[in-house]
């Protein structure tokens, strides 16, 4: 189980840094993190929505890319540009101890999606 979770986290860090939605809210939350400010449940929700959007975009694009290594490399670069806060958000969410039930559920769904994608990728 630890191996699958590790693969899922790797998939999140590896895949996610490349998509983009609600950048304004995400940028605001990232600034709070950089300043060391206390995060609210709404901030956690913004991070989870951002990462979920990135994961969904990544999943769709990875299906198109298939085994093409060059396209995968280009995709990773594009993801880094589109979702620049994904690694920071993952680090903060993985250490968050005060998530409410709604955000815990979102996080569980995100991990489930990451596990699915990492299993699909490892099957290539």
PDB file of N, CA and C in Angstrom:
ATOM      1  N   UNK A   1       0.824  -1.192   0.000  1.00  0.00           N
ATOM      2  CA  UNK A   1       0.000   0.000   0.000  1.00  0.00           C
ATOM      3  C   UNK A   1       0.868   1.255   0.000  1.00  0.00           C
ATOM      4  N   UNK A   2       1.980   1.223   0.777  1.00  0.00           N
ATOM      5  CA  UNK A   2       2.866   2.380   0.812  1.00  0.00           C
ATOM      6  C   UNK A   2       3.468   2.638  -0.563  1.00  0.00           C
ATOM      7  N   UNK A   3       3.768   1.554  -1.289  1.00  0.00           N
ATOM      8  CA  UNK A   3       4.347   1.705  -2.621  1.00  0.00           C
ATOM      9  C   UNK A   3       3.348   2.379  -3.562  1.00  0.00           C
ATOM     10  N   UNK A   4       2.094   1.991  -3.492  1.00  0.00           N
ATOM     11  CA  UNK A   4       1.063   2.587  -4.347  1.00  0.00           C
ATOM     12  C   UNK A   4       0.874   4.057  -3.989  1.00  0.00           C
ATOM     13  N   UNK A   5       0.850   4.369  -2.689  1.00  0.00           N
ATOM     14  CA  UNK A   5       0.697   5.760  -2.262  1.00  0.00           C
ATOM     15  C   UNK A   5       1.897   6.585  -2.700  1.00  0.00           C
ATOM     16  N   UNK A   6       3.087   6.016  -2.591  1.00  0.00           N
ATOM     17  CA  UNK A   6       4.284   6.721  -3.051  1.00  0.00           C
ATOM     18  C   UNK A   6       4.210   6.992  -4.542  1.00  0.00           C
ATOM     19  N   UNK A   7       3.763   6.005  -5.312  1.00  0.00           N
ATOM     20  CA  UNK A   7       3.599   6.209  -6.751  1.00  0.00           C
ATOM     21  C   UNK A   7       2.568   7.288  -7.034  1.00  0.00           C
ATOM     22  N   UNK A   8       1.513   7.302  -6.251  1.00  0.00           N
ATOM     23  CA  UNK A   8       0.475   8.316  -6.445  1.00  0.00           C
ATOM     24  C   UNK A   8       1.023   9.708  -6.172  1.00  0.00           C
ATOM     25  N   UNK A   9       1.782   9.846  -5.094  1.00  0.00           N
ATOM     26  CA  UNK A   9       2.372  11.150  -4.790  1.00  0.00           C
ATOM     27  C   UNK A   9       3.355  11.562  -5.870  1.00  0.00           C
ATOM     28  N   UNK A  10       4.148  10.606  -6.341  1.00  0.00           N
ATOM     29  CA  UNK A  10       5.066  10.914  -7.438  1.00  0.00           C
ATOM     30  C   UNK A  10       4.306  11.353  -8.674  1.00  0.00           C
ATOM     31  N   UNK A  11       3.216  10.685  -8.953  1.00  0.00           N
ATOM     32  CA  UNK A  11       2.410  11.068 -10.117  1.00  0.00           C
ATOM     33  C   UNK A  11       1.900  12.489  -9.963  1.00  0.00           C
ATOM     34  N   UNK A  12       1.475  12.830  -8.766  1.00  0.00           N
ATOM     35  CA  UNK A  12       0.983  14.188  -8.537  1.00  0.00           C
ATOM     36  C   UNK A  12       2.083  15.213  -8.752  1.00  0.00           C
ATOM     37  N   UNK A  13       3.243  14.967  -8.163  1.00  0.00           N
ATOM     38  CA  UNK A  13       4.339  15.922  -8.292  1.00  0.00           C
ATOM     39  C   UNK A  13       4.872  15.948  -9.713  1.00  0.00           C
ATOM     40  N   UNK A  14       4.926  14.794 -10.358  1.00  0.00           N
ATOM     41  CA  UNK A  14       5.478  14.678 -11.701  1.00  0.00           C
ATOM     42  C   UNK A  14       4.531  15.218 -12.763  1.00  0.00           C
ATOM     43  N   UNK A  15       3.265  14.931 -12.613  1.00  0.00           N
ATOM     44  CA  UNK A  15       2.282  15.267 -13.640  1.00  0.00           C
ATOM     45  C   UNK A  15       1.678  16.646 -13.422  1.00  0.00           C
ATOM     46  N   UNK A  16       1.392  16.971 -12.210  1.00  0.00           N
ATOM     47  CA  UNK A  16       0.583  18.147 -11.955  1.00  0.00           C
ATOM     48  C   UNK A  16       1.206  19.486 -12.271  1.00  0.00           C
ATOM     49  N   UNK A  17       2.493  19.655 -12.097  1.00  0.00           N
ATOM     50  CA  UNK A  17       3.008  21.003 -12.290  1.00  0.00           C
ATOM     51  C   UNK A  17       2.809  21.551 -13.683  1.00  0.00           C
ATOM     52  N   UNK A  18       1.694  21.215 -14.367  1.00  0.00           N
ATOM     53  CA  UNK A  18       1.609  21.678 -15.733  1.00  0.00           C
ATOM     54  C   UNK A  18       0.264  22.123 -16.254  1.00  0.00           C
ATOM     55  N   UNK A  19      -0.721  22.284 -15.472  1.00  0.00           N
ATOM     56  CA  UNK A  19      -2.027  22.662 -15.991  1.00  0.00           C
ATOM     57  C   UNK A  19      -2.403  24.041 -15.465  1.00  0.00           C
ATOM     58  N   UNK A  20      -3.706  24.496 -15.673  1.00  0.00           N
ATOM     59  CA  UNK A  20      -3.995  25.816 -15.159  1.00  0.00           C
ATOM     60  C   UNK A  20      -5.438  26.240 -15.086  1.00  0.00           C
ATOM     61  N   UNK A  21      -5.963  26.463 -13.889  1.00  0.00           N
ATOM     62  CA  UNK A  21      -7.292  27.034 -13.728  1.00  0.00           C
ATOM     63  C   UNK A  21      -7.312  27.849 -12.458  1.00  0.00           C
ATOM     64  N   UNK A  22      -8.244  28.780 -12.379  1.00  0.00           N
ATOM     65  CA  UNK A  22      -8.377  29.670 -11.225  1.00  0.00           C
ATOM     66  C   UNK A  22      -7.019  30.127 -10.705  1.00  0.00           C
ATOM     67  N   UNK A  23      -6.184  30.578 -11.640  1.00  0.00           N
ATOM     68  CA  UNK A  23      -4.829  30.992 -11.288  1.00  0.00           C
ATOM     69  C   UNK A  23      -4.818  32.125 -10.270  1.00  0.00           C
ATOM     70  N   UNK A  24      -5.783  33.037 -10.364  1.00  0.00           N
ATOM     71  CA  UNK A  24      -5.816  34.155  -9.426  1.00  0.00           C
ATOM     72  C   UNK A  24      -5.954  33.699  -7.992  1.00  0.00           C
ATOM     73  N   UNK A  25      -6.927  32.822  -7.728  1.00  0.00           N
ATOM     74  CA  UNK A  25      -7.103  32.294  -6.380  1.00  0.00           C
ATOM     75  C   UNK A  25      -5.899  31.474  -5.960  1.00  0.00           C
ATOM     76  N   UNK A  26      -5.375  30.681  -6.873  1.00  0.00           N
ATOM     77  CA  UNK A  26      -4.213  29.853  -6.567  1.00  0.00           C
ATOM     78  C   UNK A  26      -3.005  30.731  -6.247  1.00  0.00           C
ATOM     79  N   UNK A  27      -2.842  31.787  -7.014  1.00  0.00           N
ATOM     80  CA  UNK A  27      -1.722  32.696  -6.765  1.00  0.00           C
ATOM     81  C   UNK A  27      -1.850  33.349  -5.391  1.00  0.00           C
ATOM     82  N   UNK A  28      -3.053  33.735  -5.040  1.00  0.00           N
ATOM     83  CA  UNK A  28      -3.306  34.343  -3.732  1.00  0.00           C
ATOM     84  C   UNK A  28      -2.975  33.371  -2.598  1.00  0.00           C
ATOM     85  N   UNK A  29      -3.390  32.123  -2.746  1.00  0.00           N
ATOM     86  CA  UNK A  29      -3.095  31.111  -1.729  1.00  0.00           C
ATOM     87  C   UNK A  29      -1.590  30.864  -1.668  1.00  0.00           C
ATOM     88  N   UNK A  30      -0.940  30.801  -2.815  1.00  0.00           N
ATOM     89  CA  UNK A  30       0.505  30.599  -2.840  1.00  0.00           C
ATOM     90  C   UNK A  30       1.226  31.734  -2.106  1.00  0.00           C
ATOM     91  N   UNK A  31       0.754  32.958  -2.283  1.00  0.00           N
ATOM     92  CA  UNK A  31       1.354  34.099  -1.584  1.00  0.00           C
ATOM     93  C   UNK A  31       1.190  33.964  -0.074  1.00  0.00           C
ATOM     94  N   UNK A  32       0.034  33.478   0.366  1.00  0.00           N
ATOM     95  CA  UNK A  32      -0.177  33.248   1.797  1.00  0.00           C
ATOM     96  C   UNK A  32       0.809  32.206   2.321  1.00  0.00           C
ATOM     97  N   UNK A  33       1.030  31.169   1.533  1.00  0.00           N
ATOM     98  CA  UNK A  33       1.974  30.125   1.934  1.00  0.00           C
ATOM     99  C   UNK A  33       3.375  30.711   2.044  1.00  0.00           C
ATOM    100  N   UNK A  34       3.769  31.478   1.036  1.00  0.00           N
ATOM    101  CA  UNK A  34       5.106  32.083   1.040  1.00  0.00           C
ATOM    102  C   UNK A  34       5.312  33.008   2.233  1.00  0.00           C
ATOM    103  N   UNK A  35       4.255  33.690   2.655  1.00  0.00           N
ATOM    104  CA  UNK A  35       4.339  34.609   3.794  1.00  0.00           C
ATOM    105  C   UNK A  35       4.201  33.887   5.133  1.00  0.00           C
ATOM    106  N   UNK A  36       3.889  32.606   5.081  1.00  0.00           N
ATOM    107  CA  UNK A  36       3.727  31.834   6.303  1.00  0.00           C
ATOM    108  C   UNK A  36       2.431  32.121   7.036  1.00  0.00           C
ATOM    109  N   UNK A  37       1.443  32.629   6.314  1.00  0.00           N
ATOM    110  CA  UNK A  37       0.151  32.947   6.922  1.00  0.00           C
ATOM    111  C   UNK A  37      -0.672  31.681   7.157  1.00  0.00           C
ATOM    112  N   UNK A  38      -1.577  31.776   8.111  1.00  0.00           N
ATOM    113  CA  UNK A  38      -2.486  30.665   8.412  1.00  0.00           C
ATOM    114  C   UNK A  38      -3.416  30.442   7.219  1.00  0.00           C
ATOM    115  N   UNK A  39      -3.601  29.196   6.846  1.00  0.00           N
ATOM    116  CA  UNK A  39      -4.486  28.857   5.729  1.00  0.00           C
ATOM    117  C   UNK A  39      -5.874  28.500   6.248  1.00  0.00           C
ATOM    118  N   UNK A  40      -6.876  28.949   5.523  1.00  0.00           N
ATOM    119  CA  UNK A  40      -8.268  28.657   5.875  1.00  0.00           C
ATOM    120  C   UNK A  40      -8.736  27.405   5.133  1.00  0.00           C
ATOM    121  N   UNK A  41      -9.907  26.919   5.492  1.00  0.00           N
ATOM    122  CA  UNK A  41     -10.488  25.785   4.776  1.00  0.00           C
ATOM    123  C   UNK A  41     -10.733  26.158   3.317  1.00  0.00           C
ATOM    124  N   UNK A  42     -11.097  27.406   3.072  1.00  0.00           N
ATOM    125  CA  UNK A  42     -11.295  27.871   1.697  1.00  0.00           C
ATOM    126  C   UNK A  42      -9.974  27.818   0.921  1.00  0.00           C
ATOM    127  N   UNK A  43      -8.868  28.168   1.577  1.00  0.00           N
ATOM    128  CA  UNK A  43      -7.557  28.084   0.926  1.00  0.00           C
ATOM    129  C   UNK A  43      -7.237  26.636   0.558  1.00  0.00           C
ATOM    130  N   UNK A  44      -7.494  25.726   1.492  1.00  0.00           N
ATOM    131  CA  UNK A  44      -7.273  24.310   1.201  1.00  0.00           C
ATOM    132  C   UNK A  44      -8.156  23.856   0.044  1.00  0.00           C
ATOM    133  N   UNK A  45      -9.377  24.331   0.031  1.00  0.00           N
ATOM    134  CA  UNK A  45     -10.298  23.978  -1.046  1.00  0.00           C
ATOM    135  C   UNK A  45      -9.787  24.485  -2.394  1.00  0.00           C
ATOM    136  N   UNK A  46      -9.259  25.702  -2.418  1.00  0.00           N
ATOM    137  CA  UNK A  46      -8.680  26.253  -3.653  1.00  0.00           C
ATOM    138  C   UNK A  46      -7.523  25.373  -4.121  1.00  0.00           C
ATOM    139  N   UNK A  47      -6.661  24.977  -3.183  1.00  0.00           N
ATOM    140  CA  UNK A  47      -5.528  24.122  -3.547  1.00  0.00           C
ATOM    141  C   UNK A  47      -6.007  22.789  -4.112  1.00  0.00           C
ATOM    142  N   UNK A  48      -6.988  22.200  -3.471  1.00  0.00           N
ATOM    143  CA  UNK A  48      -7.501  20.907  -3.921  1.00  0.00           C
ATOM    144  C   UNK A  48      -8.186  21.011  -5.276  1.00  0.00           C
ATOM    145  N   UNK A  49      -8.935  22.071  -5.494  1.00  0.00           N
ATOM    146  CA  UNK A  49      -9.573  22.272  -6.800  1.00  0.00           C
ATOM    147  C   UNK A  49      -8.525  22.467  -7.893  1.00  0.00           C
ATOM    148  N   UNK A  50      -7.496  23.224  -7.581  1.00  0.00           N
ATOM    149  CA  UNK A  50      -6.391  23.481  -8.511  1.00  0.00           C
ATOM    150  C   UNK A  50      -5.713  22.161  -8.903  1.00  0.00           C
ATOM    151  N   UNK A  51      -5.396  21.358  -7.899  1.00  0.00           N
ATOM    152  CA  UNK A  51      -4.729  20.081  -8.160  1.00  0.00           C
ATOM    153  C   UNK A  51      -5.645  19.094  -8.873  1.00  0.00           C
ATOM    154  N   UNK A  52      -6.914  19.111  -8.544  1.00  0.00           N
ATOM    155  CA  UNK A  52      -7.872  18.234  -9.224  1.00  0.00           C
ATOM    156  C   UNK A  52      -7.990  18.613 -10.688  1.00  0.00           C
ATOM    157  N   UNK A  53      -8.043  19.899 -10.958  1.00  0.00           N
ATOM    158  CA  UNK A  53      -8.092  20.371 -12.343  1.00  0.00           C
ATOM    159  C   UNK A  53      -6.833  19.939 -13.095  1.00  0.00           C
ATOM    160  N   UNK A  54      -5.700  20.096 -12.449  1.00  0.00           N
ATOM    161  CA  UNK A  54      -4.437  19.695 -13.067  1.00  0.00           C
ATOM    162  C   UNK A  54      -4.417  18.194 -13.347  1.00  0.00           C
ATOM    163  N   UNK A  55      -4.868  17.421 -12.371  1.00  0.00           N
ATOM    164  CA  UNK A  55      -4.871  15.967 -12.526  1.00  0.00           C
ATOM    165  C   UNK A  55      -5.799  15.542 -13.656  1.00  0.00           C
ATOM    166  N   UNK A  56      -6.955  16.149 -13.751  1.00  0.00           N
ATOM    167  CA  UNK A  56      -7.904  15.826 -14.814  1.00  0.00           C
ATOM    168  C   UNK A  56      -7.319  16.165 -16.177  1.00  0.00           C
ATOM    169  N   UNK A  57      -6.716  17.330 -16.280  1.00  0.00           N
ATOM    170  CA  UNK A  57      -6.080  17.726 -17.541  1.00  0.00           C
ATOM    171  C   UNK A  57      -4.947  16.777 -17.902  1.00  0.00           C
ATOM    172  N   UNK A  58      -4.163  16.416 -16.898  1.00  0.00           N
ATOM    173  CA  UNK A  58      -3.045  15.508 -17.135  1.00  0.00           C
ATOM    174  C   UNK A  58      -3.534  14.142 -17.596  1.00  0.00           C
ATOM    175  N   UNK A  59      -4.568  13.652 -16.952  1.00  0.00           N
ATOM    176  CA  UNK A  59      -5.108  12.335 -17.299  1.00  0.00           C
ATOM    177  C   UNK A  59      -5.571  12.310 -18.754  1.00  0.00           C
ATOM    178  N   UNK A  60      -6.306  13.336 -19.150  1.00  0.00           N
ATOM    179  CA  UNK A  60      -6.798  13.410 -20.529  1.00  0.00           C
ATOM    180  C   UNK A  60      -5.647  13.482 -21.523  1.00  0.00           C
ATOM    181  N   UNK A  61      -4.671  14.308 -21.226  1.00  0.00           N
ATOM    182  CA  UNK A  61      -3.546  14.504 -22.147  1.00  0.00           C
ATOM    183  C   UNK A  61      -2.667  13.254 -22.217  1.00  0.00           C
ATOM    184  N   UNK A  62      -2.470  12.586 -21.095  1.00  0.00           N
ATOM    185  CA  UNK A  62      -1.632  11.389 -21.086  1.00  0.00           C
ATOM    186  C   UNK A  62      -2.228  10.284 -21.945  1.00  0.00           C
ATOM    187  N   UNK A  63      -3.544  10.236 -22.017  1.00  0.00           N
ATOM    188  CA  UNK A  63      -4.187   9.250 -22.891  1.00  0.00           C
ATOM    189  C   UNK A  63      -3.848   9.530 -24.347  1.00  0.00           C
ATOM    190  N   UNK A  64      -3.792  10.804 -24.708  1.00  0.00           N
ATOM    191  CA  UNK A  64      -3.445  11.190 -26.080  1.00  0.00           C
ATOM    192  C   UNK A  64      -1.977  10.905 -26.388  1.00  0.00           C
ATOM    193  N   UNK A  65      -1.109  11.147 -25.424  1.00  0.00           N
ATOM    194  CA  UNK A  65       0.335  11.036 -25.630  1.00  0.00           C
ATOM    195  C   UNK A  65       0.775   9.591 -25.809  1.00  0.00           C
ATOM    196  N   UNK A  66       0.186   8.704 -25.043  1.00  0.00           N
ATOM    197  CA  UNK A  66       0.587   7.302 -25.122  1.00  0.00           C
ATOM    198  C   UNK A  66       2.026   7.110 -24.679  1.00  0.00           C
ATOM    199  N   UNK A  67       2.807   6.389 -25.479  1.00  0.00           N
ATOM    200  CA  UNK A  67       4.193   6.068 -25.134  1.00  0.00           C
ATOM    201  C   UNK A  67       5.207   7.008 -25.776  1.00  0.00           C
ATOM    202  N   UNK A  68       4.769   8.067 -26.392  1.00  0.00           N
ATOM    203  CA  UNK A  68       5.668   8.998 -27.080  1.00  0.00           C
ATOM    204  C   UNK A  68       6.465   9.811 -26.057  1.00  0.00           C
ATOM    205  N   UNK A  69       7.738   9.463 -25.878  1.00  0.00           N
ATOM    206  CA  UNK A  69       8.593  10.091 -24.860  1.00  0.00           C
ATOM    207  C   UNK A  69       8.795  11.581 -25.120  1.00  0.00           C
ATOM    208  N   UNK A  70       8.937  11.953 -26.376  1.00  0.00           N
ATOM    209  CA  UNK A  70       9.155  13.363 -26.715  1.00  0.00           C
ATOM    210  C   UNK A  70       7.916  14.199 -26.371  1.00  0.00           C
ATOM    211  N   UNK A  71       6.746  13.675 -26.709  1.00  0.00           N
ATOM    212  CA  UNK A  71       5.506  14.383 -26.376  1.00  0.00           C
ATOM    213  C   UNK A  71       5.325  14.472 -24.863  1.00  0.00           C
ATOM    214  N   UNK A  72       5.728  13.420 -24.155  1.00  0.00           N
ATOM    215  CA  UNK A  72       5.621  13.423 -22.700  1.00  0.00           C
ATOM    216  C   UNK A  72       6.508  14.510 -22.103  1.00  0.00           C
ATOM    217  N   UNK A  73       7.712  14.639 -22.628  1.00  0.00           N
ATOM    218  CA  UNK A  73       8.634  15.671 -22.147  1.00  0.00           C
ATOM    219  C   UNK A  73       8.049  17.064 -22.388  1.00  0.00           C
ATOM    220  N   UNK A  74       7.517  17.286 -23.576  1.00  0.00           N
ATOM    221  CA  UNK A  74       6.887  18.574 -23.886  1.00  0.00           C
ATOM    222  C   UNK A  74       5.688  18.829 -22.974  1.00  0.00           C
ATOM    223  N   UNK A  75       4.938  17.773 -22.718  1.00  0.00           N
ATOM    224  CA  UNK A  75       3.768  17.876 -21.850  1.00  0.00           C
ATOM    225  C   UNK A  75       4.174  18.288 -20.434  1.00  0.00           C
ATOM    226  N   UNK A  76       5.230  17.690 -19.913  1.00  0.00           N
ATOM    227  CA  UNK A  76       5.712  18.027 -18.573  1.00  0.00           C
ATOM    228  C   UNK A  76       6.099  19.498 -18.495  1.00  0.00           C
ATOM    229  N   UNK A  77       6.780  19.972 -19.526  1.00  0.00           N
ATOM    230  CA  UNK A  77       7.181  21.378 -19.567  1.00  0.00           C
ATOM    231  C   UNK A  77       5.959  22.283 -19.562  1.00  0.00           C
ATOM    232  N   UNK A  78       4.967  21.921 -20.355  1.00  0.00           N
ATOM    233  CA  UNK A  78       3.744  22.720 -20.424  1.00  0.00           C
ATOM    234  C   UNK A  78       2.995  22.697 -19.093  1.00  0.00           C
ATOM    235  N   UNK A  79       2.961  21.545 -18.440  1.00  0.00           N
ATOM    236  CA  UNK A  79       2.293  21.442 -17.143  1.00  0.00           C
ATOM    237  C   UNK A  79       2.977  22.342 -16.110  1.00  0.00           C
ATOM    238  N   UNK A  80       4.309  22.371 -16.136  1.00  0.00           N
ATOM    239  CA  UNK A  80       5.050  23.233 -15.210  1.00  0.00           C
ATOM    240  C   UNK A  80       4.657  24.695 -15.390  1.00  0.00           C
ATOM    241  N   UNK A  81       4.438  25.081 -16.622  1.00  0.00           N
ATOM    242  CA  UNK A  81       4.046  26.466 -16.910  1.00  0.00           C
ATOM    243  C   UNK A  81       2.603  26.736 -16.499  1.00  0.00           C
ATOM    244  N   UNK A  82       1.729  25.792 -16.753  1.00  0.00           N
ATOM    245  CA  UNK A  82       0.303  25.994 -16.494  1.00  0.00           C
ATOM    246  C   UNK A  82      -0.082  25.860 -15.027  1.00  0.00           C
ATOM    247  N   UNK A  83       0.617  25.015 -14.290  1.00  0.00           N
ATOM    248  CA  UNK A  83       0.294  24.767 -12.881  1.00  0.00           C
ATOM    249  C   UNK A  83       1.542  24.930 -12.013  1.00  0.00           C
ATOM    250  N   UNK A  84       2.027  26.150 -11.889  1.00  0.00           N
ATOM    251  CA  UNK A  84       3.290  26.369 -11.177  1.00  0.00           C
ATOM    252  C   UNK A  84       3.226  26.129  -9.665  1.00  0.00           C
ATOM    253  N   UNK A  85       2.049  26.053  -9.095  1.00  0.00           N
ATOM    254  CA  UNK A  85       1.933  25.924  -7.638  1.00  0.00           C
ATOM    255  C   UNK A  85       1.649  24.497  -7.174  1.00  0.00           C
ATOM    256  N   UNK A  86       1.581  23.563  -8.082  1.00  0.00           N
ATOM    257  CA  UNK A  86       1.136  22.219  -7.699  1.00  0.00           C
ATOM    258  C   UNK A  86       2.049  21.554  -6.676  1.00  0.00           C
ATOM    259  N   UNK A  87       3.341  21.684  -6.832  1.00  0.00           N
ATOM    260  CA  UNK A  87       4.247  21.040  -5.878  1.00  0.00           C
ATOM    261  C   UNK A  87       4.113  21.680  -4.492  1.00  0.00           C
ATOM    262  N   UNK A  88       4.060  22.992  -4.450  1.00  0.00           N
ATOM    263  CA  UNK A  88       3.881  23.701  -3.179  1.00  0.00           C
ATOM    264  C   UNK A  88       2.575  23.292  -2.511  1.00  0.00           C
ATOM    265  N   UNK A  89       1.518  23.219  -3.298  1.00  0.00           N
ATOM    266  CA  UNK A  89       0.218  22.851  -2.741  1.00  0.00           C
ATOM    267  C   UNK A  89       0.231  21.416  -2.222  1.00  0.00           C
ATOM    268  N   UNK A  90       0.862  20.508  -2.958  1.00  0.00           N
ATOM    269  CA  UNK A  90       0.921  19.113  -2.499  1.00  0.00           C
ATOM    270  C   UNK A  90       1.673  19.010  -1.178  1.00  0.00           C
ATOM    271  N   UNK A  91       2.777  19.728  -1.070  1.00  0.00           N
ATOM    272  CA  UNK A  91       3.547  19.696   0.179  1.00  0.00           C
ATOM    273  C   UNK A  91       2.701  20.197   1.343  1.00  0.00           C
ATOM    274  N   UNK A  92       1.980  21.279   1.124  1.00  0.00           N
ATOM    275  CA  UNK A  92       1.158  21.838   2.196  1.00  0.00           C
ATOM    276  C   UNK A  92      -0.011  20.937   2.549  1.00  0.00           C
ATOM    277  N   UNK A  93      -0.635  20.359   1.555  1.00  0.00           N
ATOM    278  CA  UNK A  93      -1.767  19.470   1.825  1.00  0.00           C
ATOM    279  C   UNK A  93      -1.326  18.186   2.515  1.00  0.00           C
ATOM    280  N   UNK A  94      -0.144  17.692   2.160  1.00  0.00           N
ATOM    281  CA  UNK A  94       0.310  16.440   2.765  1.00  0.00           C
ATOM    282  C   UNK A  94       0.643  16.612   4.243  1.00  0.00           C
ATOM    283  N   UNK A  95       0.917  17.844   4.660  1.00  0.00           N
ATOM    284  CA  UNK A  95       1.226  18.077   6.072  1.00  0.00           C
ATOM    285  C   UNK A  95       0.078  18.756   6.828  1.00  0.00           C
ATOM    286  N   UNK A  96      -1.018  19.032   6.143  1.00  0.00           N
ATOM    287  CA  UNK A  96      -2.157  19.698   6.786  1.00  0.00           C
ATOM    288  C   UNK A  96      -2.833  18.754   7.774  1.00  0.00           C
ATOM    289  N   UNK A  97      -3.013  19.227   8.974  1.00  0.00           N
ATOM    290  CA  UNK A  97      -3.633  18.408  10.014  1.00  0.00           C
ATOM    291  C   UNK A  97      -5.038  18.888  10.358  1.00  0.00           C
ATOM    292  N   UNK A  98      -5.442  19.998   9.767  1.00  0.00           N
ATOM    293  CA  UNK A  98      -6.717  20.599  10.163  1.00  0.00           C
ATOM    294  C   UNK A  98      -7.737  20.680   9.029  1.00  0.00           C
ATOM    295  N   UNK A  99      -7.681  19.741   8.091  1.00  0.00           N
ATOM    296  CA  UNK A  99      -8.656  19.747   6.999  1.00  0.00           C
ATOM    297  C   UNK A  99     -10.040  19.378   7.526  1.00  0.00           C
ATOM    298  N   UNK A 100     -11.042  20.083   7.032  1.00  0.00           N
ATOM    299  CA  UNK A 100     -12.408  19.714   7.404  1.00  0.00           C
ATOM    300  C   UNK A 100     -12.836  18.495   6.581  1.00  0.00           C
ATOM    301  N   UNK A 101     -14.011  17.976   6.869  1.00  0.00           N
ATOM    302  CA  UNK A 101     -14.470  16.745   6.214  1.00  0.00           C
ATOM    303  C   UNK A 101     -14.575  16.888   4.699  1.00  0.00           C
ATOM    304  N   UNK A 102     -15.057  18.035   4.234  1.00  0.00           N
ATOM    305  CA  UNK A 102     -15.205  18.239   2.787  1.00  0.00           C
ATOM    306  C   UNK A 102     -13.846  18.228   2.092  1.00  0.00           C
ATOM    307  N   UNK A 103     -12.859  18.861   2.702  1.00  0.00           N
ATOM    308  CA  UNK A 103     -11.532  18.886   2.099  1.00  0.00           C
ATOM    309  C   UNK A 103     -10.827  17.535   2.226  1.00  0.00           C
ATOM    310  N   UNK A 104     -11.079  16.820   3.304  1.00  0.00           N
ATOM    311  CA  UNK A 104     -10.529  15.466   3.424  1.00  0.00           C
ATOM    312  C   UNK A 104     -11.061  14.581   2.302  1.00  0.00           C
ATOM    313  N   UNK A 105     -12.343  14.731   2.011  1.00  0.00           N
ATOM    314  CA  UNK A 105     -12.950  13.940   0.937  1.00  0.00           C
ATOM    315  C   UNK A 105     -12.323  14.302  -0.409  1.00  0.00           C
ATOM    316  N   UNK A 106     -12.145  15.595  -0.666  1.00  0.00           N
ATOM    317  CA  UNK A 106     -11.507  16.029  -1.917  1.00  0.00           C
ATOM    318  C   UNK A 106     -10.094  15.460  -2.030  1.00  0.00           C
ATOM    319  N   UNK A 107      -9.358  15.465  -0.911  1.00  0.00           N
ATOM    320  CA  UNK A 107      -7.994  14.948  -0.916  1.00  0.00           C
ATOM    321  C   UNK A 107      -7.985  13.446  -1.201  1.00  0.00           C
ATOM    322  N   UNK A 108      -8.902  12.716  -0.605  1.00  0.00           N
ATOM    323  CA  UNK A 108      -9.000  11.276  -0.864  1.00  0.00           C
ATOM    324  C   UNK A 108      -9.315  11.008  -2.334  1.00  0.00           C
ATOM    325  N   UNK A 109     -10.206  11.795  -2.906  1.00  0.00           N
ATOM    326  CA  UNK A 109     -10.550  11.634  -4.323  1.00  0.00           C
ATOM    327  C   UNK A 109      -9.355  11.954  -5.214  1.00  0.00           C
ATOM    328  N   UNK A 110      -8.591  12.965  -4.832  1.00  0.00           N
ATOM    329  CA  UNK A 110      -7.396  13.330  -5.590  1.00  0.00           C
ATOM    330  C   UNK A 110      -6.372  12.200  -5.552  1.00  0.00           C
ATOM    331  N   UNK A 111      -6.150  11.623  -4.368  1.00  0.00           N
ATOM    332  CA  UNK A 111      -5.218  10.505  -4.257  1.00  0.00           C
ATOM    333  C   UNK A 111      -5.697   9.304  -5.061  1.00  0.00           C
ATOM    334  N   UNK A 112      -6.980   9.039  -5.033  1.00  0.00           N
ATOM    335  CA  UNK A 112      -7.521   7.914  -5.802  1.00  0.00           C
ATOM    336  C   UNK A 112      -7.267   8.112  -7.290  1.00  0.00           C
ATOM    337  N   UNK A 113      -7.468   9.329  -7.761  1.00  0.00           N
ATOM    338  CA  UNK A 113      -7.223   9.627  -9.175  1.00  0.00           C
ATOM    339  C   UNK A 113      -5.733   9.479  -9.496  1.00  0.00           C
ATOM    340  N   UNK A 114      -4.884   9.948  -8.582  1.00  0.00           N
ATOM    341  CA  UNK A 114      -3.435   9.841  -8.786  1.00  0.00           C
ATOM    342  C   UNK A 114      -2.996   8.379  -8.838  1.00  0.00           C
ATOM    343  N   UNK A 115      -3.573   7.567  -7.984  1.00  0.00           N
ATOM    344  CA  UNK A 115      -3.244   6.138  -7.980  1.00  0.00           C
ATOM    345  C   UNK A 115      -3.661   5.501  -9.295  1.00  0.00           C
ATOM    346  N   UNK A 116      -4.840   5.830  -9.769  1.00  0.00           N
ATOM    347  CA  UNK A 116      -5.319   5.296 -11.046  1.00  0.00           C
ATOM    348  C   UNK A 116      -4.378   5.670 -12.179  1.00  0.00           C
ATOM    349  N   UNK A 117      -3.989   6.926 -12.225  1.00  0.00           N
ATOM    350  CA  UNK A 117      -3.093   7.382 -13.292  1.00  0.00           C
ATOM    351  C   UNK A 117      -1.731   6.716 -13.176  1.00  0.00           C
ATOM    352  N   UNK A 118      -1.188   6.627 -11.963  1.00  0.00           N
ATOM    353  CA  UNK A 118       0.136   6.017 -11.807  1.00  0.00           C
ATOM    354  C   UNK A 118       0.108   4.538 -12.177  1.00  0.00           C
ATOM    355  N   UNK A 119      -1.000   3.863 -11.898  1.00  0.00           N
ATOM    356  CA  UNK A 119      -1.115   2.453 -12.280  1.00  0.00           C
ATOM    357  C   UNK A 119      -1.199   2.322 -13.796  1.00  0.00           C
ATOM    358  N   UNK A 120      -1.908   3.246 -14.440  1.00  0.00           N
ATOM    359  CA  UNK A 120      -1.986   3.225 -15.901  1.00  0.00           C
ATOM    360  C   UNK A 120      -0.613   3.478 -16.510  1.00  0.00           C
ATOM    361  N   UNK A 121       0.129   4.411 -15.924  1.00  0.00           N
ATOM    362  CA  UNK A 121       1.457   4.736 -16.444  1.00  0.00           C
ATOM    363  C   UNK A 121       2.435   3.594 -16.229  1.00  0.00           C
ATOM    364  N   UNK A 122       2.344   2.917 -15.087  1.00  0.00           N
ATOM    365  CA  UNK A 122       3.268   1.821 -14.815  1.00  0.00           C
ATOM    366  C   UNK A 122       2.974   0.609 -15.690  1.00  0.00           C
ATOM    367  N   UNK A 123       1.784   0.566 -16.261  1.00  0.00           N
ATOM    368  CA  UNK A 123       1.412  -0.532 -17.147  1.00  0.00           C
ATOM    369  C   UNK A 123       1.915  -0.356 -18.567  1.00  0.00           C
ATOM    370  N   UNK A 124       2.560   0.753 -18.840  1.00  0.00           N
ATOM    371  CA  UNK A 124       3.060   1.032 -20.197  1.00  0.00           C
ATOM    372  C   UNK A 124       4.328   0.290 -20.475  1.00  0.00           C
TER     373      UNK A 124
END
